[in-house]
Amino acid sequence: MAVKVVIPTPLRQFAGKKDSVEIDASTVGEALAGLTSQFGDLRKHLFNEEGKLRSFVNVYVNDEDIRFLQKDQTPVHESDVISIVPSIAGGSLICCICS
């Protein structure tokens, strides 16, 4: 069964500029494996050298964080949407006191 995987804007350049793809999978892990086999350049952005999901990559199934479900073993169904949300860090706070 195919599930929709939404690809965030910063990673679309590694996924043929697609905003989403349909992947046949029964778990989140299978969906991500299918996604990275289809778009090999995504692998290094989603997974570390040990093959684990990078700590700054958040994955949701229908707005539910998989860290609070069954992680990569979270089951998915045909109507489900998997969203990949990389954490954004950086910037600075500048405080000025003008006299």
PDB file of N, CA and C in Angstrom:
ATOM      1  N   MET A   1       0.837  -1.172   0.000  1.00  0.00           N
ATOM      2  CA  MET A   1       0.000   0.000   0.000  1.00  0.00           C
ATOM      3  C   MET A   1       0.886   1.240   0.000  1.00  0.00           C
ATOM      4  N   ALA A   2       0.490   2.241  -0.722  1.00  0.00           N
ATOM      5  CA  ALA A   2       1.286   3.455  -0.841  1.00  0.00           C
ATOM      6  C   ALA A   2       0.882   4.480   0.200  1.00  0.00           C
ATOM      7  N   VAL A   3       1.895   5.103   0.801  1.00  0.00           N
ATOM      8  CA  VAL A   3       1.668   6.221   1.716  1.00  0.00           C
ATOM      9  C   VAL A   3       2.363   7.440   1.132  1.00  0.00           C
ATOM     10  N   LYS A   4       1.874   8.590   1.497  1.00  0.00           N
ATOM     11  CA  LYS A   4       2.459   9.839   1.017  1.00  0.00           C
ATOM     12  C   LYS A   4       3.545  10.280   1.992  1.00  0.00           C
ATOM     13  N   VAL A   5       4.714  10.620   1.451  1.00  0.00           N
ATOM     14  CA  VAL A   5       5.804  11.160   2.246  1.00  0.00           C
ATOM     15  C   VAL A   5       6.037  12.593   1.784  1.00  0.00           C
ATOM     16  N   VAL A   6       5.869  13.538   2.700  1.00  0.00           N
ATOM     17  CA  VAL A   6       6.053  14.956   2.391  1.00  0.00           C
ATOM     18  C   VAL A   6       7.517  15.310   2.627  1.00  0.00           C
ATOM     19  N   ILE A   7       8.131  15.914   1.614  1.00  0.00           N
ATOM     20  CA  ILE A   7       9.546  16.275   1.674  1.00  0.00           C
ATOM     21  C   ILE A   7       9.654  17.778   1.935  1.00  0.00           C
ATOM     22  N   PRO A   8      10.391  18.161   2.975  1.00  0.00           N
ATOM     23  CA  PRO A   8      10.497  19.594   3.285  1.00  0.00           C
ATOM     24  C   PRO A   8      11.315  20.337   2.234  1.00  0.00           C
ATOM     25  N   THR A   9      11.033  21.600   2.106  1.00  0.00           N
ATOM     26  CA  THR A   9      11.684  22.435   1.092  1.00  0.00           C
ATOM     27  C   THR A   9      13.208  22.317   1.088  1.00  0.00           C
ATOM     28  N   PRO A  10      13.920  22.352   2.233  1.00  0.00           N
ATOM     29  CA  PRO A  10      15.383  22.273   2.176  1.00  0.00           C
ATOM     30  C   PRO A  10      15.912  20.958   1.610  1.00  0.00           C
ATOM     31  N   LEU A  11      15.118  19.898   1.625  1.00  0.00           N
ATOM     32  CA  LEU A  11      15.588  18.596   1.147  1.00  0.00           C
ATOM     33  C   LEU A  11      15.092  18.255  -0.258  1.00  0.00           C
ATOM     34  N   ARG A  12      14.257  19.079  -0.832  1.00  0.00           N
ATOM     35  CA  ARG A  12      13.699  18.779  -2.155  1.00  0.00           C
ATOM     36  C   ARG A  12      14.757  18.724  -3.241  1.00  0.00           C
ATOM     37  N   GLN A  13      15.825  19.472  -3.078  1.00  0.00           N
ATOM     38  CA  GLN A  13      16.892  19.448  -4.080  1.00  0.00           C
ATOM     39  C   GLN A  13      17.542  18.066  -4.171  1.00  0.00           C
ATOM     40  N   PHE A  14      17.394  17.246  -3.131  1.00  0.00           N
ATOM     41  CA  PHE A  14      17.957  15.897  -3.110  1.00  0.00           C
ATOM     42  C   PHE A  14      16.912  14.849  -3.490  1.00  0.00           C
ATOM     43  N   ALA A  15      15.703  15.296  -3.809  1.00  0.00           N
ATOM     44  CA  ALA A  15      14.608  14.383  -4.128  1.00  0.00           C
ATOM     45  C   ALA A  15      13.928  14.776  -5.441  1.00  0.00           C
ATOM     46  N   GLY A  16      14.720  15.153  -6.402  1.00  0.00           N
ATOM     47  CA  GLY A  16      14.163  15.503  -7.703  1.00  0.00           C
ATOM     48  C   GLY A  16      13.224  16.683  -7.678  1.00  0.00           C
ATOM     49  N   LYS A  17      13.404  17.563  -6.689  1.00  0.00           N
ATOM     50  CA  LYS A  17      12.588  18.775  -6.517  1.00  0.00           C
ATOM     51  C   LYS A  17      11.119  18.472  -6.256  1.00  0.00           C
ATOM     52  N   LYS A  18      10.837  17.262  -5.799  1.00  0.00           N
ATOM     53  CA  LYS A  18       9.459  16.875  -5.496  1.00  0.00           C
ATOM     54  C   LYS A  18       9.083  17.320  -4.089  1.00  0.00           C
ATOM     55  N   ASP A  19       7.831  17.718  -3.916  1.00  0.00           N
ATOM     56  CA  ASP A  19       7.366  18.104  -2.579  1.00  0.00           C
ATOM     57  C   ASP A  19       6.804  16.913  -1.813  1.00  0.00           C
ATOM     58  N   SER A  20       6.465  15.844  -2.533  1.00  0.00           N
ATOM     59  CA  SER A  20       6.011  14.616  -1.889  1.00  0.00           C
ATOM     60  C   SER A  20       6.156  13.460  -2.869  1.00  0.00           C
ATOM     61  N   VAL A  21       6.179  12.256  -2.319  1.00  0.00           N
ATOM     62  CA  VAL A  21       6.217  11.044  -3.139  1.00  0.00           C
ATOM     63  C   VAL A  21       5.326   9.991  -2.490  1.00  0.00           C
ATOM     64  N   GLU A  22       4.886   9.063  -3.290  1.00  0.00           N
ATOM     65  CA  GLU A  22       4.114   7.922  -2.802  1.00  0.00           C
ATOM     66  C   GLU A  22       5.086   6.736  -2.705  1.00  0.00           C
ATOM     67  N   ILE A  23       5.100   6.088  -1.545  1.00  0.00           N
ATOM     68  CA  ILE A  23       6.000   4.963  -1.300  1.00  0.00           C
ATOM     69  C   ILE A  23       5.168   3.794  -0.774  1.00  0.00           C
ATOM     70  N   ASP A  24       5.426   2.602  -1.302  1.00  0.00           N
ATOM     71  CA  ASP A  24       4.784   1.401  -0.776  1.00  0.00           C
ATOM     72  C   ASP A  24       5.491   0.998   0.502  1.00  0.00           C
ATOM     73  N   ALA A  25       4.759   0.971   1.614  1.00  0.00           N
ATOM     74  CA  ALA A  25       5.362   0.640   2.909  1.00  0.00           C
ATOM     75  C   ALA A  25       4.279   0.291   3.910  1.00  0.00           C
ATOM     76  N   SER A  26       4.679  -0.495   4.917  1.00  0.00           N
ATOM     77  CA  SER A  26       3.751  -0.804   6.005  1.00  0.00           C
ATOM     78  C   SER A  26       4.207  -0.199   7.326  1.00  0.00           C
ATOM     79  N   THR A  27       5.448   0.334   7.362  1.00  0.00           N
ATOM     80  CA  THR A  27       5.958   1.033   8.544  1.00  0.00           C
ATOM     81  C   THR A  27       6.678   2.297   8.097  1.00  0.00           C
ATOM     82  N   VAL A  28       6.921   3.172   9.056  1.00  0.00           N
ATOM     83  CA  VAL A  28       7.674   4.390   8.766  1.00  0.00           C
ATOM     84  C   VAL A  28       9.076   4.038   8.278  1.00  0.00           C
ATOM     85  N   GLY A  29       9.710   3.067   8.927  1.00  0.00           N
ATOM     86  CA  GLY A  29      11.051   2.655   8.517  1.00  0.00           C
ATOM     87  C   GLY A  29      11.101   2.177   7.077  1.00  0.00           C
ATOM     88  N   GLU A  30      10.115   1.398   6.672  1.00  0.00           N
ATOM     89  CA  GLU A  30      10.051   0.940   5.281  1.00  0.00           C
ATOM     90  C   GLU A  30       9.858   2.111   4.326  1.00  0.00           C
ATOM     91  N   ALA A  31       9.040   3.068   4.726  1.00  0.00           N
ATOM     92  CA  ALA A  31       8.793   4.236   3.875  1.00  0.00           C
ATOM     93  C   ALA A  31      10.069   5.057   3.694  1.00  0.00           C
ATOM     94  N   LEU A  32      10.802   5.271   4.795  1.00  0.00           N
ATOM     95  CA  LEU A  32      12.043   6.044   4.691  1.00  0.00           C
ATOM     96  C   LEU A  32      13.105   5.284   3.912  1.00  0.00           C
ATOM     97  N   ALA A  33      13.147   3.965   4.071  1.00  0.00           N
ATOM     98  CA  ALA A  33      14.087   3.147   3.298  1.00  0.00           C
ATOM     99  C   ALA A  33      13.757   3.225   1.812  1.00  0.00           C
ATOM    100  N   GLY A  34      12.469   3.164   1.484  1.00  0.00           N
ATOM    101  CA  GLY A  34      12.055   3.288   0.097  1.00  0.00           C
ATOM    102  C   GLY A  34      12.365   4.653  -0.476  1.00  0.00           C
ATOM    103  N   LEU A  35      12.179   5.673   0.335  1.00  0.00           N
ATOM    104  CA  LEU A  35      12.466   7.036  -0.097  1.00  0.00           C
ATOM    105  C   LEU A  35      13.958   7.213  -0.392  1.00  0.00           C
ATOM    106  N   THR A  36      14.807   6.720   0.514  1.00  0.00           N
ATOM    107  CA  THR A  36      16.249   6.893   0.319  1.00  0.00           C
ATOM    108  C   THR A  36      16.819   5.952  -0.741  1.00  0.00           C
ATOM    109  N   SER A  37      16.130   4.867  -1.038  1.00  0.00           N
ATOM    110  CA  SER A  37      16.598   4.036  -2.147  1.00  0.00           C
ATOM    111  C   SER A  37      16.227   4.680  -3.480  1.00  0.00           C
ATOM    112  N   GLN A  38      15.117   5.386  -3.496  1.00  0.00           N
ATOM    113  CA  GLN A  38      14.694   6.101  -4.705  1.00  0.00           C
ATOM    114  C   GLN A  38      15.529   7.370  -4.905  1.00  0.00           C
ATOM    115  N   PHE A  39      15.877   8.038  -3.813  1.00  0.00           N
ATOM    116  CA  PHE A  39      16.649   9.277  -3.860  1.00  0.00           C
ATOM    117  C   PHE A  39      17.848   9.126  -2.931  1.00  0.00           C
ATOM    118  N   GLY A  40      18.903   8.514  -3.422  1.00  0.00           N
ATOM    119  CA  GLY A  40      20.080   8.182  -2.615  1.00  0.00           C
ATOM    120  C   GLY A  40      20.729   9.359  -1.917  1.00  0.00           C
ATOM    121  N   ASP A  41      20.661  10.542  -2.509  1.00  0.00           N
ATOM    122  CA  ASP A  41      21.286  11.718  -1.897  1.00  0.00           C
ATOM    123  C   ASP A  41      20.597  12.141  -0.597  1.00  0.00           C
ATOM    124  N   LEU A  42      19.364  11.701  -0.397  1.00  0.00           N
ATOM    125  CA  LEU A  42      18.649  12.040   0.839  1.00  0.00           C
ATOM    126  C   LEU A  42      19.213  11.299   2.048  1.00  0.00           C
ATOM    127  N   ARG A  43      19.783  10.119   1.824  1.00  0.00           N
ATOM    128  CA  ARG A  43      20.221   9.260   2.932  1.00  0.00           C
ATOM    129  C   ARG A  43      21.113  10.002   3.919  1.00  0.00           C
ATOM    130  N   LYS A  44      22.132  10.690   3.434  1.00  0.00           N
ATOM    131  CA  LYS A  44      23.078  11.351   4.350  1.00  0.00           C
ATOM    132  C   LYS A  44      22.440  12.518   5.107  1.00  0.00           C
ATOM    133  N   HIS A  45      21.330  13.026   4.607  1.00  0.00           N
ATOM    134  CA  HIS A  45      20.651  14.128   5.285  1.00  0.00           C
ATOM    135  C   HIS A  45      19.644  13.632   6.331  1.00  0.00           C
ATOM    136  N   LEU A  46      19.205  12.393   6.183  1.00  0.00           N
ATOM    137  CA  LEU A  46      18.229  11.834   7.110  1.00  0.00           C
ATOM    138  C   LEU A  46      18.847  10.893   8.144  1.00  0.00           C
ATOM    139  N   PHE A  47      19.888  10.159   7.742  1.00  0.00           N
ATOM    140  CA  PHE A  47      20.467   9.126   8.602  1.00  0.00           C
ATOM    141  C   PHE A  47      21.939   9.373   8.882  1.00  0.00           C
ATOM    142  N   ASN A  48      22.399   8.953  10.077  1.00  0.00           N
ATOM    143  CA  ASN A  48      23.816   9.072  10.412  1.00  0.00           C
ATOM    144  C   ASN A  48      24.580   7.861   9.866  1.00  0.00           C
ATOM    145  N   GLU A  49      25.865   7.770  10.188  1.00  0.00           N
ATOM    146  CA  GLU A  49      26.711   6.700   9.669  1.00  0.00           C
ATOM    147  C   GLU A  49      26.277   5.321  10.157  1.00  0.00           C
ATOM    148  N   GLU A  50      25.619   5.256  11.305  1.00  0.00           N
ATOM    149  CA  GLU A  50      25.136   3.985  11.850  1.00  0.00           C
ATOM    150  C   GLU A  50      23.763   3.597  11.294  1.00  0.00           C
ATOM    151  N   GLY A  51      23.213   4.439  10.417  1.00  0.00           N
ATOM    152  CA  GLY A  51      21.915   4.147   9.827  1.00  0.00           C
ATOM    153  C   GLY A  51      20.736   4.569  10.681  1.00  0.00           C
ATOM    154  N   LYS A  52      20.991   5.346  11.727  1.00  0.00           N
ATOM    155  CA  LYS A  52      19.907   5.826  12.595  1.00  0.00           C
ATOM    156  C   LYS A  52      19.477   7.204  12.138  1.00  0.00           C
ATOM    157  N   LEU A  53      18.211   7.482  12.344  1.00  0.00           N
ATOM    158  CA  LEU A  53      17.668   8.794  11.992  1.00  0.00           C
ATOM    159  C   LEU A  53      18.426   9.876  12.744  1.00  0.00           C
ATOM    160  N   ARG A  54      18.858  10.901  12.050  1.00  0.00           N
ATOM    161  CA  ARG A  54      19.607  11.985  12.688  1.00  0.00           C
ATOM    162  C   ARG A  54      18.743  12.653  13.760  1.00  0.00           C
ATOM    163  N   SER A  55      19.393  13.124  14.814  1.00  0.00           N
ATOM    164  CA  SER A  55      18.668  13.679  15.960  1.00  0.00           C
ATOM    165  C   SER A  55      17.875  14.934  15.613  1.00  0.00           C
ATOM    166  N   PHE A  56      18.285  15.655  14.600  1.00  0.00           N
ATOM    167  CA  PHE A  56      17.585  16.886  14.237  1.00  0.00           C
ATOM    168  C   PHE A  56      16.500  16.672  13.181  1.00  0.00           C
ATOM    169  N   VAL A  57      16.268  15.417  12.804  1.00  0.00           N
ATOM    170  CA  VAL A  57      15.213  15.101  11.840  1.00  0.00           C
ATOM    171  C   VAL A  57      14.022  14.537  12.603  1.00  0.00           C
ATOM    172  N   ASN A  58      12.909  15.220  12.510  1.00  0.00           N
ATOM    173  CA  ASN A  58      11.671  14.780  13.159  1.00  0.00           C
ATOM    174  C   ASN A  58      10.751  14.196  12.095  1.00  0.00           C
ATOM    175  N   VAL A  59      10.096  13.103  12.442  1.00  0.00           N
ATOM    176  CA  VAL A  59       9.196  12.444  11.506  1.00  0.00           C
ATOM    177  C   VAL A  59       7.828  12.311  12.172  1.00  0.00           C
ATOM    178  N   TYR A  60       6.809  12.648  11.416  1.00  0.00           N
ATOM    179  CA  TYR A  60       5.440  12.606  11.907  1.00  0.00           C
ATOM    180  C   TYR A  60       4.580  11.743  10.999  1.00  0.00           C
ATOM    181  N   VAL A  61       3.648  11.026  11.599  1.00  0.00           N
ATOM    182  CA  VAL A  61       2.606  10.324  10.853  1.00  0.00           C
ATOM    183  C   VAL A  61       1.295  10.983  11.253  1.00  0.00           C
ATOM    184  N   ASN A  62       0.676  11.637  10.287  1.00  0.00           N
ATOM    185  CA  ASN A  62      -0.582  12.344  10.560  1.00  0.00           C
ATOM    186  C   ASN A  62      -0.471  13.246  11.786  1.00  0.00           C
ATOM    187  N   ASP A  63       0.558  14.051  11.860  1.00  0.00           N
ATOM    188  CA  ASP A  63       0.784  15.019  12.931  1.00  0.00           C
ATOM    189  C   ASP A  63       1.171  14.402  14.271  1.00  0.00           C
ATOM    190  N   GLU A  64       1.450  13.097  14.312  1.00  0.00           N
ATOM    191  CA  GLU A  64       1.913  12.429  15.535  1.00  0.00           C
ATOM    192  C   GLU A  64       3.398  12.144  15.404  1.00  0.00           C
ATOM    193  N   ASP A  65       4.183  12.622  16.348  1.00  0.00           N
ATOM    194  CA  ASP A  65       5.627  12.414  16.359  1.00  0.00           C
ATOM    195  C   ASP A  65       5.926  10.934  16.589  1.00  0.00           C
ATOM    196  N   ILE A  66       6.696  10.316  15.680  1.00  0.00           N
ATOM    197  CA  ILE A  66       6.956   8.876  15.794  1.00  0.00           C
ATOM    198  C   ILE A  66       7.786   8.534  17.029  1.00  0.00           C
ATOM    199  N   ARG A  67       8.464   9.526  17.622  1.00  0.00           N
ATOM    200  CA  ARG A  67       9.233   9.253  18.846  1.00  0.00           C
ATOM    201  C   ARG A  67       8.309   8.857  19.987  1.00  0.00           C
ATOM    202  N   PHE A  68       7.048   9.273  19.922  1.00  0.00           N
ATOM    203  CA  PHE A  68       6.076   8.954  20.958  1.00  0.00           C
ATOM    204  C   PHE A  68       5.145   7.813  20.534  1.00  0.00           C
ATOM    205  N   LEU A  69       5.420   7.239  19.364  1.00  0.00           N
ATOM    206  CA  LEU A  69       4.670   6.087  18.888  1.00  0.00           C
ATOM    207  C   LEU A  69       5.613   4.881  18.952  1.00  0.00           C
ATOM    208  N   GLN A  70       5.852   4.244  17.810  1.00  0.00           N
ATOM    209  CA  GLN A  70       6.740   3.082  17.773  1.00  0.00           C
ATOM    210  C   GLN A  70       8.004   3.364  16.966  1.00  0.00           C
ATOM    211  N   LYS A  71       8.386   4.647  16.907  1.00  0.00           N
ATOM    212  CA  LYS A  71       9.560   5.098  16.152  1.00  0.00           C
ATOM    213  C   LYS A  71       9.488   4.583  14.718  1.00  0.00           C
ATOM    214  N   ASP A  72      10.583   4.006  14.191  1.00  0.00           N
ATOM    215  CA  ASP A  72      10.564   3.580  12.790  1.00  0.00           C
ATOM    216  C   ASP A  72       9.677   2.360  12.550  1.00  0.00           C
ATOM    217  N   GLN A  73       9.253   1.708  13.620  1.00  0.00           N
ATOM    218  CA  GLN A  73       8.342   0.561  13.494  1.00  0.00           C
ATOM    219  C   GLN A  73       6.866   0.975  13.528  1.00  0.00           C
ATOM    220  N   THR A  74       6.616   2.280  13.556  1.00  0.00           N
ATOM    221  CA  THR A  74       5.240   2.780  13.552  1.00  0.00           C
ATOM    222  C   THR A  74       4.535   2.326  12.277  1.00  0.00           C
ATOM    223  N   PRO A  75       3.415   1.622  12.419  1.00  0.00           N
ATOM    224  CA  PRO A  75       2.692   1.178  11.223  1.00  0.00           C
ATOM    225  C   PRO A  75       2.054   2.350  10.483  1.00  0.00           C
ATOM    226  N   VAL A  76       1.972   2.213   9.171  1.00  0.00           N
ATOM    227  CA  VAL A  76       1.303   3.218   8.341  1.00  0.00           C
ATOM    228  C   VAL A  76       0.253   2.539   7.486  1.00  0.00           C
ATOM    229  N   HIS A  77      -0.743   3.324   7.119  1.00  0.00           N
ATOM    230  CA  HIS A  77      -1.856   2.836   6.319  1.00  0.00           C
ATOM    231  C   HIS A  77      -2.004   3.717   5.091  1.00  0.00           C
ATOM    232  N   GLU A  78      -2.759   3.263   4.150  1.00  0.00           N
ATOM    233  CA  GLU A  78      -2.856   3.927   2.855  1.00  0.00           C
ATOM    234  C   GLU A  78      -3.215   5.404   2.926  1.00  0.00           C
ATOM    235  N   SER A  79      -4.026   5.809   3.857  1.00  0.00           N
ATOM    236  CA  SER A  79      -4.443   7.211   3.933  1.00  0.00           C
ATOM    237  C   SER A  79      -3.489   8.066   4.775  1.00  0.00           C
ATOM    238  N   ASP A  80      -2.440   7.478   5.325  1.00  0.00           N
ATOM    239  CA  ASP A  80      -1.521   8.214   6.193  1.00  0.00           C
ATOM    240  C   ASP A  80      -0.569   9.109   5.405  1.00  0.00           C
ATOM    241  N   VAL A  81      -0.131  10.165   6.073  1.00  0.00           N
ATOM    242  CA  VAL A  81       0.857  11.082   5.506  1.00  0.00           C
ATOM    243  C   VAL A  81       2.040  11.124   6.464  1.00  0.00           C
ATOM    244  N   ILE A  82       3.217  10.866   5.922  1.00  0.00           N
ATOM    245  CA  ILE A  82       4.454  10.955   6.697  1.00  0.00           C
ATOM    246  C   ILE A  82       5.110  12.284   6.356  1.00  0.00           C
ATOM    247  N   SER A  83       5.419  13.067   7.382  1.00  0.00           N
ATOM    248  CA  SER A  83       6.074  14.360   7.182  1.00  0.00           C
ATOM    249  C   SER A  83       7.455  14.324   7.802  1.00  0.00           C
ATOM    250  N   ILE A  84       8.434  14.778   7.036  1.00  0.00           N
ATOM    251  CA  ILE A  84       9.805  14.894   7.520  1.00  0.00           C
ATOM    252  C   ILE A  84      10.026  16.362   7.849  1.00  0.00           C
ATOM    253  N   VAL A  85      10.425  16.629   9.097  1.00  0.00           N
ATOM    254  CA  VAL A  85      10.588  18.010   9.541  1.00  0.00           C
ATOM    255  C   VAL A  85      11.966  18.174  10.179  1.00  0.00           C
ATOM    256  N   PRO A  86      12.938  18.721   9.419  1.00  0.00           N
ATOM    257  CA  PRO A  86      14.242  18.956  10.027  1.00  0.00           C
ATOM    258  C   PRO A  86      14.178  20.151  10.977  1.00  0.00           C
ATOM    259  N   SER A  87      14.845  20.023  12.116  1.00  0.00           N
ATOM    260  CA  SER A  87      14.915  21.145  13.057  1.00  0.00           C
ATOM    261  C   SER A  87      15.769  22.237  12.443  1.00  0.00           C
ATOM    262  N   ILE A  88      15.372  23.446  12.662  1.00  0.00           N
ATOM    263  CA  ILE A  88      16.123  24.597  12.159  1.00  0.00           C
ATOM    264  C   ILE A  88      16.762  25.285  13.359  1.00  0.00           C
ATOM    265  N   ALA A  89      18.054  25.465  13.279  1.00  0.00           N
ATOM    266  CA  ALA A  89      18.778  26.125  14.372  1.00  0.00           C
ATOM    267  C   ALA A  89      19.574  27.287  13.802  1.00  0.00           C
ATOM    268  N   GLY A  90      20.011  28.134  14.692  1.00  0.00           N
ATOM    269  CA  GLY A  90      20.858  29.235  14.259  1.00  0.00           C
ATOM    270  C   GLY A  90      20.233  30.570  14.583  1.00  0.00           C
ATOM    271  N   GLY A  91      20.862  31.574  14.080  1.00  0.00           N
ATOM    272  CA  GLY A  91      20.392  32.922  14.353  1.00  0.00           C
ATOM    273  C   GLY A  91      20.976  33.425  15.657  1.00  0.00           C
ATOM    274  N   SER A  92      20.751  34.641  15.911  1.00  0.00           N
ATOM    275  CA  SER A  92      21.247  35.214  17.156  1.00  0.00           C
ATOM    276  C   SER A  92      20.335  36.343  17.583  1.00  0.00           C
ATOM    277  N   LEU A  93      20.395  36.608  18.833  1.00  0.00           N
ATOM    278  CA  LEU A  93      19.623  37.709  19.389  1.00  0.00           C
ATOM    279  C   LEU A  93      20.605  38.845  19.644  1.00  0.00           C
ATOM    280  N   ILE A  94      20.346  39.960  19.063  1.00  0.00           N
ATOM    281  CA  ILE A  94      21.218  41.118  19.244  1.00  0.00           C
ATOM    282  C   ILE A  94      20.446  42.160  20.020  1.00  0.00           C
ATOM    283  N   CYS A  95      21.033  42.590  21.099  1.00  0.00           N
ATOM    284  CA  CYS A  95      20.374  43.590  21.938  1.00  0.00           C
ATOM    285  C   CYS A  95      21.175  44.884  21.879  1.00  0.00           C
ATOM    286  N   CYS A  96      20.511  45.931  21.615  1.00  0.00           N
ATOM    287  CA  CYS A  96      21.174  47.238  21.567  1.00  0.00           C
ATOM    288  C   CYS A  96      20.485  48.186  22.539  1.00  0.00           C
ATOM    289  N   ILE A  97      21.259  48.979  23.179  1.00  0.00           N
ATOM    290  CA  ILE A  97      20.703  50.048  24.001  1.00  0.00           C
ATOM    291  C   ILE A  97      21.167  51.352  23.369  1.00  0.00           C
ATOM    292  N   CYS A  98      20.231  52.053  22.852  1.00  0.00           N
ATOM    293  CA  CYS A  98      20.562  53.293  22.176  1.00  0.00           C
ATOM    294  C   CYS A  98      20.365  54.453  23.155  1.00  0.00           C
ATOM    295  N   SER A  99      21.261  55.398  23.135  1.00  0.00           N
ATOM    296  CA  SER A  99      21.116  56.541  24.019  1.00  0.00           C
ATOM    297  C   SER A  99      20.968  57.809  23.225  1.00  0.00           C
TER     298      SER A  99
END
